[in-house]
Amino acid sequence: MKKIFRLFTTVSKRILSISAGNYSKKDTRFLFFYFSWFFALMFYMGFYLVGKNPLSLLLPFSHFHFPVPEKRSDKTLYLSD
């Protein structure tokens, strides 16, 4: 529990120091990874809540479904006792 609290305090201190205007190259890398993980989690969480597969966006023509032509035709079925 102390490790989680310590991690939270260090992250909040880094974000506050960056917002004050004094940041270094290490802080910009931290912000990049922080926000990239945040947006990735939001992306996957949105697909999870909707019930869709996010990896289907990687396959071409899987997002838009084309209508399937009807191949069945009417046939007469004769039954006997």
Protein backbone atom coordinates (compact mmCIF):
# COMPACT_ATOMS: atom_id res chain seq x y z
CA MET A 1 0.00 0.00 0.00
CA LYS A 2 2.87 2.35 0.77
CA LYS A 3 4.41 1.65 -2.64
CA ILE A 4 1.20 2.61 -4.40
CA PHE A 5 0.90 5.79 -2.37
CA ARG A 6 4.54 6.66 -3.05
CA LEU A 7 4.06 6.05 -6.77
CA PHE A 8 0.96 8.25 -6.80
CA THR A 9 2.78 11.06 -5.00
CA THR A 10 5.78 10.94 -7.34
CA VAL A 11 3.55 10.98 -10.42
CA SER A 12 1.53 13.90 -9.07
CA LYS A 13 4.70 15.81 -8.14
CA ARG A 14 6.11 15.30 -11.64
CA ILE A 15 2.90 16.50 -13.26
CA LEU A 16 2.76 19.55 -10.99
CA SER A 17 6.40 20.43 -11.69
CA ILE A 18 5.79 20.13 -15.43
CA SER A 19 2.71 22.34 -15.20
CA ALA A 20 4.79 24.96 -13.38
CA GLY A 21 6.98 25.25 -16.47
CA ASN A 22 10.23 23.68 -15.30
CA TYR A 23 10.59 20.43 -17.18
CA SER A 24 13.38 18.48 -18.76
CA LYS A 25 13.70 15.94 -21.55
CA LYS A 26 13.03 13.17 -19.04
CA ASP A 27 9.77 14.84 -18.03
CA THR A 28 8.60 15.14 -21.62
CA ARG A 29 9.26 11.41 -22.13
CA PHE A 30 7.28 10.75 -18.96
CA LEU A 31 4.35 12.80 -20.23
CA PHE A 32 4.45 11.07 -23.60
CA PHE A 33 4.30 7.60 -22.05
CA TYR A 34 1.73 8.67 -19.47
CA PHE A 35 -0.69 10.10 -22.03
CA SER A 36 -0.10 7.33 -24.57
CA TRP A 37 -1.03 4.72 -21.96
CA PHE A 38 -4.02 6.81 -20.93
CA PHE A 39 -5.36 7.10 -24.48
CA ALA A 40 -4.67 3.42 -25.20
CA LEU A 41 -6.62 2.42 -22.11
CA MET A 42 -9.50 4.72 -23.05
CA PHE A 43 -9.50 3.29 -26.59
CA TYR A 44 -9.72 -0.32 -25.43
CA MET A 45 -12.14 0.52 -22.61
CA GLY A 46 -14.49 2.15 -25.10
CA PHE A 47 -14.51 -0.95 -27.27
CA TYR A 48 -14.99 -3.14 -24.20
CA LEU A 49 -18.01 -1.12 -23.07
CA VAL A 50 -19.59 -1.26 -26.51
CA GLY A 51 -18.86 -4.96 -26.90
CA LYS A 52 -16.88 -4.72 -30.13
CA ASN A 53 -13.49 -6.08 -31.12
CA PRO A 54 -10.91 -3.24 -31.44
CA LEU A 55 -8.57 -5.42 -33.49
CA SER A 56 -11.17 -5.63 -36.26
CA LEU A 57 -10.08 -2.14 -37.30
CA LEU A 58 -6.76 -3.63 -38.41
CA LEU A 59 -8.42 -5.91 -40.97
CA PRO A 60 -9.44 -4.29 -44.24
CA PHE A 61 -13.15 -4.37 -45.12
CA SER A 62 -14.12 -5.78 -41.74
CA HIS A 63 -15.53 -2.53 -40.38
CA PHE A 64 -18.10 -2.04 -43.13
CA HIS A 65 -20.19 -5.07 -43.99
CA PHE A 66 -21.23 -5.59 -47.57
CA PRO A 67 -24.68 -7.06 -48.21
CA VAL A 68 -24.64 -10.76 -49.03
CA PRO A 69 -26.75 -11.65 -52.07
CA GLU A 70 -29.46 -14.20 -51.42
CA LYS A 71 -28.45 -17.50 -53.05
CA ARG A 72 -31.46 -19.53 -51.95
CA SER A 73 -34.42 -20.07 -54.21
CA ASP A 74 -37.90 -21.50 -53.70
CA LYS A 75 -38.18 -25.25 -54.21
CA THR A 76 -41.19 -27.53 -54.04
CA LEU A 77 -41.02 -30.28 -51.46
CA TYR A 78 -43.23 -33.34 -51.99
CA LEU A 79 -44.08 -35.38 -48.90
CA SER A 80 -45.90 -38.69 -48.74
CA ASP A 81 -47.14 -40.99 -46.00
